Amino acid sequence: MTLFDNDRQQEAADDALPGLERIARVTTPLLNIRSGPSASFDKVADPLKQDMRVKILDQDASWTKVRFSTEGWVSSKYLSKL
């Protein structure tokens, strides 16, 4: 299951609860974290490791902005929303 499986219904439910943190789990062994929502952007930190939990900050098509020790963009297909 990917972050976008539940699509707009889940996003609407999340938006209805403004104080609720949205958390996701990394589902691939190593996930690059980038400065923008595309593989053409520079890496901003060491890759995230499988099963790490990250806070979701924003979404743009197939990319998600997250925070762990730093903020950056990752491919949404390697996240599972918790």
Protein backbone atom coordinates (compact mmCIF):
# COMPACT_ATOMS: atom_id res chain seq x y z
CA MET A 1 0.00 0.00 0.00
CA THR A 2 1.31 3.45 -0.88
CA LEU A 3 0.63 6.88 0.51
CA PHE A 4 -1.89 7.62 -2.24
CA ASP A 5 -3.98 4.44 -2.00
CA ASN A 6 -6.75 6.13 -0.03
CA ASP A 7 -6.42 9.25 -2.16
CA ARG A 8 -8.60 12.29 -1.55
CA GLN A 9 -10.89 10.80 1.11
CA GLN A 10 -8.01 10.30 3.53
CA GLU A 11 -6.53 13.72 2.76
CA ALA A 12 -9.89 15.35 3.45
CA ALA A 13 -10.16 13.49 6.75
CA ASP A 14 -6.64 14.57 7.74
CA ASP A 15 -7.36 18.19 6.84
CA ALA A 16 -10.48 18.12 9.02
CA LEU A 17 -8.25 17.47 12.07
CA PRO A 18 -5.72 20.34 11.93
CA GLY A 19 -3.79 19.41 15.09
CA LEU A 20 -3.26 15.81 14.02
CA GLU A 21 0.26 14.89 12.90
CA ARG A 22 0.46 12.81 9.75
CA ILE A 23 3.13 10.14 9.99
CA ALA A 24 4.47 7.70 7.40
CA ARG A 25 6.88 4.76 7.46
CA VAL A 26 9.70 4.26 4.93
CA THR A 27 9.12 0.99 3.01
CA THR A 28 12.39 0.64 1.08
CA PRO A 29 15.91 -0.14 2.38
CA LEU A 30 17.26 3.35 1.52
CA LEU A 31 15.23 6.40 0.49
CA ASN A 32 16.92 9.56 -0.79
CA ILE A 33 15.69 12.84 0.67
CA ARG A 34 15.90 15.74 -1.78
CA SER A 35 15.62 19.53 -1.80
CA GLY A 36 12.59 19.49 -4.13
CA PRO A 37 9.88 17.19 -5.51
CA SER A 38 11.88 15.45 -8.25
CA ALA A 39 14.90 13.14 -8.63
CA SER A 40 16.68 16.02 -10.37
CA PHE A 41 16.96 17.96 -7.08
CA ASP A 42 20.04 17.60 -4.88
CA LYS A 43 20.11 15.16 -1.97
CA VAL A 44 19.93 17.06 1.34
CA ALA A 45 20.88 14.33 3.81
CA ASP A 46 21.88 10.69 4.15
CA PRO A 47 19.16 8.35 2.89
CA LEU A 48 16.31 7.44 5.21
CA LYS A 49 16.30 3.77 6.24
CA GLN A 50 13.50 1.23 6.04
CA ASP A 51 10.91 1.43 8.85
CA MET A 52 11.91 4.98 9.86
CA ARG A 53 8.93 7.13 10.79
CA VAL A 54 8.71 10.59 9.22
CA LYS A 55 6.31 13.49 9.65
CA ILE A 56 4.41 14.44 6.48
CA LEU A 57 4.57 18.19 5.78
CA ASP A 58 3.27 18.55 2.22
CA GLN A 59 2.51 16.61 -0.96
CA ASP A 60 3.08 17.35 -4.64
CA ALA A 61 1.90 14.76 -7.18
CA SER A 62 4.03 11.67 -6.49
CA TRP A 63 6.39 13.37 -4.01
CA THR A 64 5.96 14.04 -0.28
CA LYS A 65 7.75 16.63 1.85
CA VAL A 66 8.80 15.05 5.14
CA ARG A 67 10.70 15.86 8.32
CA PHE A 68 12.99 13.49 10.18
CA SER A 69 16.22 15.12 11.33
CA THR A 70 15.92 17.46 8.35
CA GLU A 71 13.21 18.48 5.89
CA GLY A 72 13.13 17.30 2.31
CA TRP A 73 11.18 15.57 -0.44
CA VAL A 74 10.90 11.81 -0.99
CA SER A 75 9.10 9.66 -3.55
CA SER A 76 5.64 8.87 -2.17
CA LYS A 77 5.67 5.32 -3.51
CA TYR A 78 8.19 4.38 -0.80
CA LEU A 79 6.03 5.60 2.10
CA SER A 80 3.20 3.91 3.94
CA LYS A 81 0.90 6.26 5.82
CA LEU A 82 0.32 5.27 9.45
